[in-house]
Amino acid sequence: MEHQLKCPFKIITQIDCPGCGAQRSIIALLQANFRESFILYPAILPMLLFLFGSLFSKIFKFNITKKINIYSYWCIGLFIAVSYVFKFLF
């Protein structure tokens, strides 16, 4: 764990930020531990799917409308917010 970046928000406030757990989640995902990855940071899979979809559309020149991008941003943001609230409640 000493090789990971430290969260400045958590260092200052001693409270997890909405992004805390993303690094550990990516490491678990790279180790093919999907369940642990989801438990550590549930929003990582939708974020990666959106990232790969965007890269795919740029490489192959697909025209993705602005509406789809905006809805994707909102859905991922909502997913992050809900998982953040659940982290503190449970």
PDB file of N, CA and C in Angstrom:
ATOM      1  N   MET A   1       0.811  -1.206   0.000  1.00  0.00           N
ATOM      2  CA  MET A   1       0.000   0.000   0.000  1.00  0.00           C
ATOM      3  C   MET A   1       0.853   1.269   0.000  1.00  0.00           C
ATOM      4  N   GLU A   2       2.122   1.146   0.335  1.00  0.00           N
ATOM      5  CA  GLU A   2       2.961   2.336   0.385  1.00  0.00           C
ATOM      6  C   GLU A   2       3.278   2.888  -0.985  1.00  0.00           C
ATOM      7  N   HIS A   3       3.025   2.118  -2.048  1.00  0.00           N
ATOM      8  CA  HIS A   3       3.279   2.593  -3.405  1.00  0.00           C
ATOM      9  C   HIS A   3       2.121   3.405  -3.976  1.00  0.00           C
ATOM     10  N   GLN A   4       1.011   3.475  -3.272  1.00  0.00           N
ATOM     11  CA  GLN A   4      -0.154   4.207  -3.759  1.00  0.00           C
ATOM     12  C   GLN A   4      -0.089   5.669  -3.350  1.00  0.00           C
ATOM     13  N   LEU A   5      -0.783   6.496  -4.129  1.00  0.00           N
ATOM     14  CA  LEU A   5      -0.870   7.920  -3.814  1.00  0.00           C
ATOM     15  C   LEU A   5      -1.734   8.141  -2.582  1.00  0.00           C
ATOM     16  N   LYS A   6      -1.368   9.096  -1.791  1.00  0.00           N
ATOM     17  CA  LYS A   6      -2.153   9.442  -0.598  1.00  0.00           C
ATOM     18  C   LYS A   6      -3.218  10.464  -0.976  1.00  0.00           C
ATOM     19  N   CYS A   7      -4.378  10.329  -0.392  1.00  0.00           N
ATOM     20  CA  CYS A   7      -5.486  11.243  -0.659  1.00  0.00           C
ATOM     21  C   CYS A   7      -5.308  12.512   0.183  1.00  0.00           C
ATOM     22  N   PRO A   8      -5.132  13.672  -0.466  1.00  0.00           N
ATOM     23  CA  PRO A   8      -4.948  14.908   0.311  1.00  0.00           C
ATOM     24  C   PRO A   8      -6.183  15.265   1.133  1.00  0.00           C
ATOM     25  N   PHE A   9      -7.369  14.979   0.619  1.00  0.00           N
ATOM     26  CA  PHE A   9      -8.601  15.270   1.352  1.00  0.00           C
ATOM     27  C   PHE A   9      -8.648  14.467   2.650  1.00  0.00           C
ATOM     28  N   LYS A  10      -8.283  13.177   2.550  1.00  0.00           N
ATOM     29  CA  LYS A  10      -8.319  12.332   3.734  1.00  0.00           C
ATOM     30  C   LYS A  10      -7.215  12.714   4.722  1.00  0.00           C
ATOM     31  N   ILE A  11      -6.067  13.122   4.225  1.00  0.00           N
ATOM     32  CA  ILE A  11      -4.977  13.548   5.104  1.00  0.00           C
ATOM     33  C   ILE A  11      -5.395  14.769   5.925  1.00  0.00           C
ATOM     34  N   ILE A  12      -6.088  15.707   5.272  1.00  0.00           N
ATOM     35  CA  ILE A  12      -6.488  16.949   5.945  1.00  0.00           C
ATOM     36  C   ILE A  12      -7.687  16.747   6.861  1.00  0.00           C
ATOM     37  N   THR A  13      -8.725  16.037   6.370  1.00  0.00           N
ATOM     38  CA  THR A  13      -9.983  15.943   7.112  1.00  0.00           C
ATOM     39  C   THR A  13     -10.181  14.638   7.879  1.00  0.00           C
ATOM     40  N   GLN A  14      -9.371  13.615   7.585  1.00  0.00           N
ATOM     41  CA  GLN A  14      -9.540  12.278   8.168  1.00  0.00           C
ATOM     42  C   GLN A  14     -10.859  11.626   7.747  1.00  0.00           C
ATOM     43  N   ILE A  15     -11.442  12.100   6.634  1.00  0.00           N
ATOM     44  CA  ILE A  15     -12.688  11.545   6.087  1.00  0.00           C
ATOM     45  C   ILE A  15     -12.401  11.081   4.666  1.00  0.00           C
ATOM     46  N   ASP A  16     -12.947   9.912   4.311  1.00  0.00           N
ATOM     47  CA  ASP A  16     -12.782   9.433   2.934  1.00  0.00           C
ATOM     48  C   ASP A  16     -13.435  10.394   1.950  1.00  0.00           C
ATOM     49  N   CYS A  17     -12.770  10.608   0.820  1.00  0.00           N
ATOM     50  CA  CYS A  17     -13.356  11.426  -0.242  1.00  0.00           C
ATOM     51  C   CYS A  17     -14.161  10.510  -1.170  1.00  0.00           C
ATOM     52  N   PRO A  18     -14.943  11.064  -2.091  1.00  0.00           N
ATOM     53  CA  PRO A  18     -15.714  10.214  -3.004  1.00  0.00           C
ATOM     54  C   PRO A  18     -14.852   9.337  -3.907  1.00  0.00           C
ATOM     55  N   GLY A  19     -13.574   9.625  -4.038  1.00  0.00           N
ATOM     56  CA  GLY A  19     -12.692   8.824  -4.878  1.00  0.00           C
ATOM     57  C   GLY A  19     -11.844   7.829  -4.113  1.00  0.00           C
ATOM     58  N   CYS A  20     -11.915   7.858  -2.791  1.00  0.00           N
ATOM     59  CA  CYS A  20     -11.098   6.939  -1.994  1.00  0.00           C
ATOM     60  C   CYS A  20     -11.515   5.494  -2.281  1.00  0.00           C
ATOM     61  N   GLY A  21     -10.525   4.679  -2.555  1.00  0.00           N
ATOM     62  CA  GLY A  21     -10.758   3.278  -2.876  1.00  0.00           C
ATOM     63  C   GLY A  21     -10.592   2.965  -4.347  1.00  0.00           C
ATOM     64  N   ALA A  22     -10.511   3.994  -5.191  1.00  0.00           N
ATOM     65  CA  ALA A  22     -10.401   3.768  -6.635  1.00  0.00           C
ATOM     66  C   ALA A  22      -9.082   3.096  -7.005  1.00  0.00           C
ATOM     67  N   GLN A  23      -7.981   3.513  -6.387  1.00  0.00           N
ATOM     68  CA  GLN A  23      -6.693   2.896  -6.685  1.00  0.00           C
ATOM     69  C   GLN A  23      -6.686   1.420  -6.305  1.00  0.00           C
ATOM     70  N   ARG A  24      -7.159   1.120  -5.112  1.00  0.00           N
ATOM     71  CA  ARG A  24      -7.206  -0.276  -4.665  1.00  0.00           C
ATOM     72  C   ARG A  24      -8.152  -1.088  -5.540  1.00  0.00           C
ATOM     73  N   SER A  25      -9.238  -0.461  -5.986  1.00  0.00           N
ATOM     74  CA  SER A  25     -10.192  -1.130  -6.856  1.00  0.00           C
ATOM     75  C   SER A  25      -9.575  -1.483  -8.208  1.00  0.00           C
ATOM     76  N   ILE A  26      -8.805  -0.574  -8.777  1.00  0.00           N
ATOM     77  CA  ILE A  26      -8.140  -0.844 -10.057  1.00  0.00           C
ATOM     78  C   ILE A  26      -7.114  -1.956  -9.899  1.00  0.00           C
ATOM     79  N   ILE A  27      -6.379  -1.950  -8.798  1.00  0.00           N
ATOM     80  CA  ILE A  27      -5.406  -3.017  -8.552  1.00  0.00           C
ATOM     81  C   ILE A  27      -6.118  -4.365  -8.441  1.00  0.00           C
ATOM     82  N   ALA A  28      -7.236  -4.411  -7.714  1.00  0.00           N
ATOM     83  CA  ALA A  28      -8.007  -5.654  -7.599  1.00  0.00           C
ATOM     84  C   ALA A  28      -8.550  -6.082  -8.960  1.00  0.00           C
ATOM     85  N   LEU A  29      -8.974  -5.123  -9.764  1.00  0.00           N
ATOM     86  CA  LEU A  29      -9.486  -5.425 -11.098  1.00  0.00           C
ATOM     87  C   LEU A  29      -8.388  -5.995 -11.984  1.00  0.00           C
ATOM     88  N   LEU A  30      -7.190  -5.441 -11.903  1.00  0.00           N
ATOM     89  CA  LEU A  30      -6.063  -5.956 -12.678  1.00  0.00           C
ATOM     90  C   LEU A  30      -5.655  -7.362 -12.236  1.00  0.00           C
ATOM     91  N   GLN A  31      -5.957  -7.704 -10.998  1.00  0.00           N
ATOM     92  CA  GLN A  31      -5.680  -9.048 -10.489  1.00  0.00           C
ATOM     93  C   GLN A  31      -6.863  -9.991 -10.734  1.00  0.00           C
ATOM     94  N   ALA A  32      -7.844  -9.528 -11.510  1.00  0.00           N
ATOM     95  CA  ALA A  32      -9.047 -10.291 -11.874  1.00  0.00           C
ATOM     96  C   ALA A  32      -9.907 -10.632 -10.657  1.00  0.00           C
ATOM     97  N   ASN A  33      -9.866  -9.806  -9.647  1.00  0.00           N
ATOM     98  CA  ASN A  33     -10.706  -9.986  -8.476  1.00  0.00           C
ATOM     99  C   ASN A  33     -11.863  -8.976  -8.582  1.00  0.00           C
ATOM    100  N   PHE A  34     -12.865  -9.328  -9.380  1.00  0.00           N
ATOM    101  CA  PHE A  34     -13.950  -8.408  -9.706  1.00  0.00           C
ATOM    102  C   PHE A  34     -14.828  -8.091  -8.499  1.00  0.00           C
ATOM    103  N   ARG A  35     -15.072  -9.081  -7.659  1.00  0.00           N
ATOM    104  CA  ARG A  35     -15.928  -8.866  -6.489  1.00  0.00           C
ATOM    105  C   ARG A  35     -15.282  -7.855  -5.535  1.00  0.00           C
ATOM    106  N   GLU A  36     -14.004  -8.063  -5.234  1.00  0.00           N
ATOM    107  CA  GLU A  36     -13.297  -7.138  -4.342  1.00  0.00           C
ATOM    108  C   GLU A  36     -13.209  -5.741  -4.957  1.00  0.00           C
ATOM    109  N   SER A  37     -12.994  -5.688  -6.274  1.00  0.00           N
ATOM    110  CA  SER A  37     -12.926  -4.406  -6.964  1.00  0.00           C
ATOM    111  C   SER A  37     -14.238  -3.642  -6.804  1.00  0.00           C
ATOM    112  N   PHE A  38     -15.353  -4.337  -6.979  1.00  0.00           N
ATOM    113  CA  PHE A  38     -16.660  -3.693  -6.833  1.00  0.00           C
ATOM    114  C   PHE A  38     -16.912  -3.253  -5.400  1.00  0.00           C
ATOM    115  N   ILE A  39     -16.498  -4.067  -4.445  1.00  0.00           N
ATOM    116  CA  ILE A  39     -16.698  -3.710  -3.032  1.00  0.00           C
ATOM    117  C   ILE A  39     -15.867  -2.488  -2.659  1.00  0.00           C
ATOM    118  N   LEU A  40     -14.635  -2.414  -3.159  1.00  0.00           N
ATOM    119  CA  LEU A  40     -13.760  -1.294  -2.817  1.00  0.00           C
ATOM    120  C   LEU A  40     -14.235   0.030  -3.410  1.00  0.00           C
ATOM    121  N   TYR A  41     -14.689  -0.008  -4.675  1.00  0.00           N
ATOM    122  CA  TYR A  41     -15.138   1.218  -5.336  1.00  0.00           C
ATOM    123  C   TYR A  41     -16.127   0.848  -6.436  1.00  0.00           C
ATOM    124  N   PRO A  42     -17.421   0.838  -6.127  1.00  0.00           N
ATOM    125  CA  PRO A  42     -18.423   0.362  -7.082  1.00  0.00           C
ATOM    126  C   PRO A  42     -18.480   1.141  -8.398  1.00  0.00           C
ATOM    127  N   ALA A  43     -18.067   2.372  -8.414  1.00  0.00           N
ATOM    128  CA  ALA A  43     -18.191   3.192  -9.619  1.00  0.00           C
ATOM    129  C   ALA A  43     -17.080   2.940 -10.636  1.00  0.00           C
ATOM    130  N   ILE A  44     -16.100   2.108 -10.314  1.00  0.00           N
ATOM    131  CA  ILE A  44     -14.963   1.933 -11.217  1.00  0.00           C
ATOM    132  C   ILE A  44     -15.376   1.245 -12.518  1.00  0.00           C
ATOM    133  N   LEU A  45     -16.265   0.277 -12.463  1.00  0.00           N
ATOM    134  CA  LEU A  45     -16.666  -0.425 -13.684  1.00  0.00           C
ATOM    135  C   LEU A  45     -17.438   0.473 -14.649  1.00  0.00           C
ATOM    136  N   PRO A  46     -18.444   1.239 -14.189  1.00  0.00           N
ATOM    137  CA  PRO A  46     -19.093   2.165 -15.129  1.00  0.00           C
ATOM    138  C   PRO A  46     -18.132   3.214 -15.676  1.00  0.00           C
ATOM    139  N   MET A  47     -17.209   3.674 -14.856  1.00  0.00           N
ATOM    140  CA  MET A  47     -16.243   4.666 -15.326  1.00  0.00           C
ATOM    141  C   MET A  47     -15.341   4.082 -16.415  1.00  0.00           C
ATOM    142  N   LEU A  48     -14.868   2.866 -16.213  1.00  0.00           N
ATOM    143  CA  LEU A  48     -14.007   2.232 -17.212  1.00  0.00           C
ATOM    144  C   LEU A  48     -14.771   1.908 -18.491  1.00  0.00           C
ATOM    145  N   LEU A  49     -16.018   1.461 -18.351  1.00  0.00           N
ATOM    146  CA  LEU A  49     -16.836   1.196 -19.539  1.00  0.00           C
ATOM    147  C   LEU A  49     -17.034   2.468 -20.359  1.00  0.00           C
ATOM    148  N   PHE A  50     -17.298   3.573 -19.684  1.00  0.00           N
ATOM    149  CA  PHE A  50     -17.463   4.844 -20.394  1.00  0.00           C
ATOM    150  C   PHE A  50     -16.156   5.274 -21.049  1.00  0.00           C
ATOM    151  N   LEU A  51     -15.043   5.110 -20.351  1.00  0.00           N
ATOM    152  CA  LEU A  51     -13.741   5.479 -20.897  1.00  0.00           C
ATOM    153  C   LEU A  51     -13.422   4.659 -22.147  1.00  0.00           C
ATOM    154  N   PHE A  52     -13.591   3.343 -22.058  1.00  0.00           N
ATOM    155  CA  PHE A  52     -13.302   2.501 -23.221  1.00  0.00           C
ATOM    156  C   PHE A  52     -14.279   2.766 -24.359  1.00  0.00           C
ATOM    157  N   GLY A  53     -15.529   3.030 -24.043  1.00  0.00           N
ATOM    158  CA  GLY A  53     -16.506   3.373 -25.082  1.00  0.00           C
ATOM    159  C   GLY A  53     -16.153   4.670 -25.786  1.00  0.00           C
ATOM    160  N   SER A  54     -15.700   5.652 -25.018  1.00  0.00           N
ATOM    161  CA  SER A  54     -15.296   6.927 -25.611  1.00  0.00           C
ATOM    162  C   SER A  54     -14.065   6.770 -26.490  1.00  0.00           C
ATOM    163  N   LEU A  55     -13.091   6.007 -26.001  1.00  0.00           N
ATOM    164  CA  LEU A  55     -11.887   5.765 -26.805  1.00  0.00           C
ATOM    165  C   LEU A  55     -12.225   5.002 -28.081  1.00  0.00           C
ATOM    166  N   PHE A  56     -13.093   4.013 -27.969  1.00  0.00           N
ATOM    167  CA  PHE A  56     -13.523   3.224 -29.122  1.00  0.00           C
ATOM    168  C   PHE A  56     -14.200   4.107 -30.161  1.00  0.00           C
ATOM    169  N   SER A  57     -15.063   5.011 -29.698  1.00  0.00           N
ATOM    170  CA  SER A  57     -15.770   5.890 -30.635  1.00  0.00           C
ATOM    171  C   SER A  57     -14.816   6.886 -31.296  1.00  0.00           C
ATOM    172  N   LYS A  58     -13.786   7.326 -30.582  1.00  0.00           N
ATOM    173  CA  LYS A  58     -12.804   8.246 -31.163  1.00  0.00           C
ATOM    174  C   LYS A  58     -11.926   7.532 -32.194  1.00  0.00           C
ATOM    175  N   ILE A  59     -11.508   6.322 -31.867  1.00  0.00           N
ATOM    176  CA  ILE A  59     -10.625   5.581 -32.772  1.00  0.00           C
ATOM    177  C   ILE A  59     -11.346   5.221 -34.066  1.00  0.00           C
ATOM    178  N   PHE A  60     -12.584   4.734 -33.948  1.00  0.00           N
ATOM    179  CA  PHE A  60     -13.322   4.280 -35.122  1.00  0.00           C
ATOM    180  C   PHE A  60     -14.284   5.323 -35.672  1.00  0.00           C
ATOM    181  N   LYS A  61     -14.167   6.562 -35.191  1.00  0.00           N
ATOM    182  CA  LYS A  61     -14.920   7.709 -35.714  1.00  0.00           C
ATOM    183  C   LYS A  61     -16.441   7.522 -35.652  1.00  0.00           C
ATOM    184  N   PHE A  62     -16.913   6.916 -34.543  1.00  0.00           N
ATOM    185  CA  PHE A  62     -18.349   6.843 -34.338  1.00  0.00           C
ATOM    186  C   PHE A  62     -18.824   8.174 -33.797  1.00  0.00           C
ATOM    187  N   ASN A  63     -19.989   8.586 -34.196  1.00  0.00           N
ATOM    188  CA  ASN A  63     -20.528   9.856 -33.747  1.00  0.00           C
ATOM    189  C   ASN A  63     -21.438   9.611 -32.548  1.00  0.00           C
ATOM    190  N   ILE A  64     -20.892   9.845 -31.361  1.00  0.00           N
ATOM    191  CA  ILE A  64     -21.694   9.732 -30.145  1.00  0.00           C
ATOM    192  C   ILE A  64     -22.214  11.124 -29.827  1.00  0.00           C
ATOM    193  N   THR A  65     -23.501  11.227 -29.662  1.00  0.00           N
ATOM    194  CA  THR A  65     -24.100  12.534 -29.437  1.00  0.00           C
ATOM    195  C   THR A  65     -23.726  13.081 -28.060  1.00  0.00           C
ATOM    196  N   LYS A  66     -23.841  14.391 -27.950  1.00  0.00           N
ATOM    197  CA  LYS A  66     -23.562  15.054 -26.676  1.00  0.00           C
ATOM    198  C   LYS A  66     -24.515  14.574 -25.589  1.00  0.00           C
ATOM    199  N   LYS A  67     -25.763  14.278 -25.979  1.00  0.00           N
ATOM    200  CA  LYS A  67     -26.750  13.833 -24.996  1.00  0.00           C
ATOM    201  C   LYS A  67     -26.308  12.545 -24.311  1.00  0.00           C
ATOM    202  N   ILE A  68     -25.782  11.607 -25.085  1.00  0.00           N
ATOM    203  CA  ILE A  68     -25.336  10.338 -24.505  1.00  0.00           C
ATOM    204  C   ILE A  68     -24.191  10.583 -23.537  1.00  0.00           C
ATOM    205  N   ASN A  69     -23.257  11.450 -23.911  1.00  0.00           N
ATOM    206  CA  ASN A  69     -22.145  11.769 -23.016  1.00  0.00           C
ATOM    207  C   ASN A  69     -22.629  12.423 -21.735  1.00  0.00           C
ATOM    208  N   ILE A  70     -23.552  13.350 -21.853  1.00  0.00           N
ATOM    209  CA  ILE A  70     -24.069  14.046 -20.668  1.00  0.00           C
ATOM    210  C   ILE A  70     -24.800  13.080 -19.749  1.00  0.00           C
ATOM    211  N   TYR A  71     -25.642  12.201 -20.316  1.00  0.00           N
ATOM    212  CA  TYR A  71     -26.343  11.205 -19.498  1.00  0.00           C
ATOM    213  C   TYR A  71     -25.348  10.254 -18.830  1.00  0.00           C
ATOM    214  N   SER A  72     -24.288   9.903 -19.544  1.00  0.00           N
ATOM    215  CA  SER A  72     -23.273   9.023 -18.963  1.00  0.00           C
ATOM    216  C   SER A  72     -22.582   9.701 -17.792  1.00  0.00           C
ATOM    217  N   TYR A  73     -22.232  10.976 -17.958  1.00  0.00           N
ATOM    218  CA  TYR A  73     -21.601  11.721 -16.860  1.00  0.00           C
ATOM    219  C   TYR A  73     -22.511  11.759 -15.639  1.00  0.00           C
ATOM    220  N   TRP A  74     -23.785  12.049 -15.858  1.00  0.00           N
ATOM    221  CA  TRP A  74     -24.730  12.122 -14.752  1.00  0.00           C
ATOM    222  C   TRP A  74     -24.912  10.772 -14.076  1.00  0.00           C
ATOM    223  N   CYS A  75     -25.016   9.714 -14.850  1.00  0.00           N
ATOM    224  CA  CYS A  75     -25.191   8.369 -14.277  1.00  0.00           C
ATOM    225  C   CYS A  75     -23.977   7.969 -13.450  1.00  0.00           C
ATOM    226  N   ILE A  76     -22.785   8.223 -13.964  1.00  0.00           N
ATOM    227  CA  ILE A  76     -21.575   7.885 -13.220  1.00  0.00           C
ATOM    228  C   ILE A  76     -21.471   8.744 -11.962  1.00  0.00           C
ATOM    229  N   GLY A  77     -21.791  10.026 -12.071  1.00  0.00           N
ATOM    230  CA  GLY A  77     -21.785  10.900 -10.899  1.00  0.00           C
ATOM    231  C   GLY A  77     -22.772  10.445  -9.841  1.00  0.00           C
ATOM    232  N   LEU A  78     -23.954  10.044 -10.278  1.00  0.00           N
ATOM    233  CA  LEU A  78     -24.961   9.532  -9.348  1.00  0.00           C
ATOM    234  C   LEU A  78     -24.488   8.236  -8.699  1.00  0.00           C
ATOM    235  N   PHE A  79     -23.865   7.379  -9.492  1.00  0.00           N
ATOM    236  CA  PHE A  79     -23.329   6.118  -8.971  1.00  0.00           C
ATOM    237  C   PHE A  79     -22.278   6.387  -7.902  1.00  0.00           C
ATOM    238  N   ILE A  80     -21.398   7.354  -8.156  1.00  0.00           N
ATOM    239  CA  ILE A  80     -20.363   7.718  -7.184  1.00  0.00           C
ATOM    240  C   ILE A  80     -21.010   8.271  -5.914  1.00  0.00           C
ATOM    241  N   ALA A  81     -21.993   9.152  -6.064  1.00  0.00           N
ATOM    242  CA  ALA A  81     -22.653   9.762  -4.905  1.00  0.00           C
ATOM    243  C   ALA A  81     -23.375   8.717  -4.057  1.00  0.00           C
ATOM    244  N   VAL A  82     -24.101   7.823  -4.707  1.00  0.00           N
ATOM    245  CA  VAL A  82     -24.844   6.796  -3.963  1.00  0.00           C
ATOM    246  C   VAL A  82     -23.883   5.858  -3.238  1.00  0.00           C
ATOM    247  N   SER A  83     -22.820   5.431  -3.916  1.00  0.00           N
ATOM    248  CA  SER A  83     -21.868   4.532  -3.260  1.00  0.00           C
ATOM    249  C   SER A  83     -21.139   5.239  -2.119  1.00  0.00           C
ATOM    250  N   TYR A  84     -20.905   6.540  -2.255  1.00  0.00           N
ATOM    251  CA  TYR A  84     -20.272   7.323  -1.193  1.00  0.00           C
ATOM    252  C   TYR A  84     -21.177   7.380   0.045  1.00  0.00           C
ATOM    253  N   VAL A  85     -22.449   7.613  -0.164  1.00  0.00           N
ATOM    254  CA  VAL A  85     -23.399   7.638   0.952  1.00  0.00           C
ATOM    255  C   VAL A  85     -23.486   6.267   1.619  1.00  0.00           C
ATOM    256  N   PHE A  86     -23.551   5.201   0.806  1.00  0.00           N
ATOM    257  CA  PHE A  86     -23.624   3.855   1.365  1.00  0.00           C
ATOM    258  C   PHE A  86     -22.373   3.508   2.168  1.00  0.00           C
ATOM    259  N   LYS A  87     -21.221   4.044   1.762  1.00  0.00           N
ATOM    260  CA  LYS A  87     -19.971   3.771   2.477  1.00  0.00           C
ATOM    261  C   LYS A  87     -20.074   4.268   3.909  1.00  0.00           C
ATOM    262  N   PHE A  88     -20.742   5.398   4.114  1.00  0.00           N
ATOM    263  CA  PHE A  88     -20.853   5.949   5.466  1.00  0.00           C
ATOM    264  C   PHE A  88     -21.998   5.342   6.252  1.00  0.00           C
ATOM    265  N   LEU A  89     -23.040   4.865   5.568  1.00  0.00           N
ATOM    266  CA  LEU A  89     -24.177   4.297   6.271  1.00  0.00           C
ATOM    267  C   LEU A  89     -23.939   2.849   6.696  1.00  0.00           C
ATOM    268  N   PHE A  90     -23.173   2.117   5.911  1.00  0.00           N
ATOM    269  CA  PHE A  90     -23.001   0.679   6.204  1.00  0.00           C
ATOM    270  C   PHE A  90     -21.583   0.384   6.436  1.00  0.00           C
TER     271      PHE A  90
END
